[in-house]
N, C-alpha and C. Protein backbone atom coordinates (compact mmCIF):
# COMPACT_ATOMS: atom_id res chain seq x y z
N UNK A 1 0.84 -1.18 0.00
CA UNK A 1 0.00 0.00 0.00
C UNK A 1 0.88 1.24 0.00
N UNK A 2 0.58 2.21 -0.84
CA UNK A 2 1.35 3.44 -0.94
C UNK A 2 0.84 4.47 0.06
N UNK A 3 1.75 5.29 0.56
CA UNK A 3 1.39 6.35 1.49
C UNK A 3 0.97 7.60 0.71
N UNK A 4 -0.01 8.31 1.25
CA UNK A 4 -0.46 9.56 0.63
C UNK A 4 0.56 10.65 0.96
N UNK A 5 0.93 11.44 -0.02
CA UNK A 5 1.82 12.57 0.20
C UNK A 5 1.12 13.51 1.19
N UNK A 6 1.79 13.93 2.28
CA UNK A 6 1.15 14.70 3.35
C UNK A 6 0.38 15.95 2.89
N UNK A 7 0.86 16.67 1.92
CA UNK A 7 0.18 17.89 1.49
C UNK A 7 -0.95 17.62 0.50
N UNK A 8 -1.19 16.37 0.17
CA UNK A 8 -2.17 16.02 -0.87
C UNK A 8 -3.39 15.28 -0.34
N UNK A 9 -3.70 15.49 0.93
CA UNK A 9 -4.83 14.78 1.52
C UNK A 9 -6.16 15.41 1.10
N UNK A 10 -7.21 14.61 1.04
CA UNK A 10 -8.53 15.16 0.73
C UNK A 10 -8.96 16.15 1.80
N UNK A 11 -9.94 16.99 1.50
CA UNK A 11 -10.39 17.97 2.48
C UNK A 11 -11.91 18.14 2.43
N UNK A 12 -12.46 18.62 3.55
CA UNK A 12 -13.87 18.97 3.64
C UNK A 12 -14.00 20.24 4.45
N UNK A 13 -14.69 21.24 3.89
CA UNK A 13 -14.97 22.49 4.59
C UNK A 13 -16.49 22.60 4.74
N UNK A 14 -17.02 22.41 5.96
CA UNK A 14 -18.46 22.50 6.15
C UNK A 14 -18.95 23.93 5.95
N UNK A 15 -20.12 24.05 5.39
CA UNK A 15 -20.71 25.36 5.14
C UNK A 15 -22.22 25.23 5.06
N UNK A 16 -22.79 25.84 4.05
CA UNK A 16 -24.24 25.83 3.88
C UNK A 16 -24.77 24.52 3.31
N UNK A 17 -26.07 24.55 2.97
CA UNK A 17 -26.74 23.35 2.46
C UNK A 17 -26.31 22.99 1.04
N UNK A 18 -25.81 23.96 0.29
CA UNK A 18 -25.34 23.69 -1.07
C UNK A 18 -23.87 23.32 -1.02
N UNK A 19 -23.52 22.26 -1.72
CA UNK A 19 -22.14 21.79 -1.69
C UNK A 19 -21.48 21.79 -3.05
N UNK A 20 -20.16 21.78 -3.03
CA UNK A 20 -19.35 21.70 -4.24
C UNK A 20 -18.40 20.51 -4.09
N UNK A 21 -18.30 19.74 -5.14
CA UNK A 21 -17.37 18.62 -5.19
C UNK A 21 -16.23 19.01 -6.11
N UNK A 22 -15.00 19.05 -5.57
CA UNK A 22 -13.83 19.43 -6.36
C UNK A 22 -13.01 18.18 -6.65
N UNK A 23 -12.74 17.95 -7.94
CA UNK A 23 -12.00 16.77 -8.38
C UNK A 23 -10.79 17.23 -9.16
N UNK A 24 -9.61 16.79 -8.74
CA UNK A 24 -8.37 17.19 -9.39
C UNK A 24 -8.23 16.54 -10.76
N UNK A 25 -7.26 17.03 -11.53
CA UNK A 25 -7.00 16.50 -12.87
C UNK A 25 -6.29 15.15 -12.84
N UNK A 26 -6.05 14.61 -14.02
CA UNK A 26 -5.50 13.26 -14.17
C UNK A 26 -4.17 13.06 -13.45
N UNK A 27 -3.28 14.03 -13.50
CA UNK A 27 -1.97 13.89 -12.83
C UNK A 27 -1.90 14.72 -11.55
N UNK A 28 -3.04 15.13 -11.02
CA UNK A 28 -3.07 16.05 -9.90
C UNK A 28 -3.36 15.44 -8.55
N UNK A 29 -3.68 16.34 -7.62
CA UNK A 29 -3.97 15.97 -6.23
C UNK A 29 -4.90 17.03 -5.64
N UNK A 30 -5.56 16.73 -4.52
CA UNK A 30 -6.48 17.69 -3.91
C UNK A 30 -5.85 19.04 -3.57
N UNK A 31 -4.55 19.06 -3.28
CA UNK A 31 -3.91 20.33 -2.90
C UNK A 31 -4.06 21.38 -3.99
N UNK A 32 -4.21 20.96 -5.25
CA UNK A 32 -4.38 21.91 -6.34
C UNK A 32 -5.73 22.62 -6.27
N UNK A 33 -6.69 22.02 -5.58
CA UNK A 33 -8.04 22.56 -5.51
C UNK A 33 -8.34 23.23 -4.17
N UNK A 34 -7.40 23.15 -3.22
CA UNK A 34 -7.66 23.64 -1.86
C UNK A 34 -7.98 25.14 -1.83
N UNK A 35 -7.22 25.95 -2.54
CA UNK A 35 -7.46 27.40 -2.53
C UNK A 35 -8.86 27.71 -3.06
N UNK A 36 -9.27 27.05 -4.14
CA UNK A 36 -10.62 27.23 -4.68
C UNK A 36 -11.65 26.78 -3.65
N UNK A 37 -11.37 25.67 -2.96
CA UNK A 37 -12.28 25.17 -1.94
C UNK A 37 -12.45 26.16 -0.79
N UNK A 38 -11.36 26.77 -0.37
CA UNK A 38 -11.42 27.77 0.70
C UNK A 38 -12.25 28.97 0.27
N UNK A 39 -12.05 29.41 -0.97
CA UNK A 39 -12.82 30.53 -1.50
C UNK A 39 -14.32 30.21 -1.53
N UNK A 40 -14.66 29.05 -2.09
CA UNK A 40 -16.07 28.65 -2.17
C UNK A 40 -16.69 28.53 -0.78
N UNK A 41 -15.92 28.03 0.18
CA UNK A 41 -16.41 27.91 1.55
C UNK A 41 -16.68 29.29 2.15
N UNK A 42 -15.82 30.25 1.87
CA UNK A 42 -16.03 31.62 2.35
C UNK A 42 -17.29 32.23 1.75
N UNK A 43 -17.69 31.74 0.59
CA UNK A 43 -18.92 32.21 -0.06
C UNK A 43 -20.16 31.49 0.47
N UNK A 44 -19.97 30.54 1.40
CA UNK A 44 -21.09 29.87 2.05
C UNK A 44 -21.35 28.44 1.63
N UNK A 45 -20.53 27.89 0.75
CA UNK A 45 -20.72 26.52 0.28
C UNK A 45 -20.01 25.51 1.18
N UNK A 46 -20.55 24.32 1.27
CA UNK A 46 -19.82 23.18 1.83
C UNK A 46 -18.97 22.65 0.68
N UNK A 47 -17.72 22.28 0.97
CA UNK A 47 -16.81 21.89 -0.11
C UNK A 47 -16.08 20.60 0.25
N UNK A 48 -16.09 19.66 -0.69
CA UNK A 48 -15.36 18.41 -0.55
C UNK A 48 -14.36 18.30 -1.69
N UNK A 49 -13.09 18.16 -1.34
CA UNK A 49 -12.03 17.93 -2.32
C UNK A 49 -11.55 16.50 -2.18
N UNK A 50 -11.73 15.70 -3.21
CA UNK A 50 -11.42 14.27 -3.13
C UNK A 50 -10.05 13.97 -3.73
N UNK A 51 -9.51 12.82 -3.34
CA UNK A 51 -8.27 12.30 -3.93
C UNK A 51 -8.64 11.02 -4.66
N UNK A 52 -8.43 11.02 -5.96
CA UNK A 52 -8.72 9.82 -6.74
C UNK A 52 -7.72 8.72 -6.41
N UNK A 53 -8.18 7.49 -6.42
CA UNK A 53 -7.36 6.33 -6.08
C UNK A 53 -6.08 6.30 -6.91
N UNK A 54 -4.96 6.12 -6.23
CA UNK A 54 -3.67 6.02 -6.90
C UNK A 54 -2.97 7.34 -7.15
N UNK A 55 -3.63 8.45 -6.89
CA UNK A 55 -3.03 9.76 -7.11
C UNK A 55 -2.41 10.27 -5.82
N UNK A 56 -1.36 11.07 -5.94
CA UNK A 56 -0.68 11.70 -4.81
C UNK A 56 -0.17 10.68 -3.79
N UNK A 57 0.39 9.60 -4.28
CA UNK A 57 0.96 8.59 -3.40
C UNK A 57 2.45 8.45 -3.67
N UNK A 58 3.13 7.90 -2.68
CA UNK A 58 4.58 7.71 -2.81
C UNK A 58 4.87 6.26 -3.13
């Protein structure tokens, strides 16, 4: 089993009833979407940034 790179963990920012699902690109990781997730959360959205299987591992 591969370890997840520490800065590439999935994230969840609780907010309002409307949510956003952020999915990174083919060679990416959740950390690429974190800033967008923080912005959307500040606008009142709940935000989930996922890590696709096999991505961002060592």
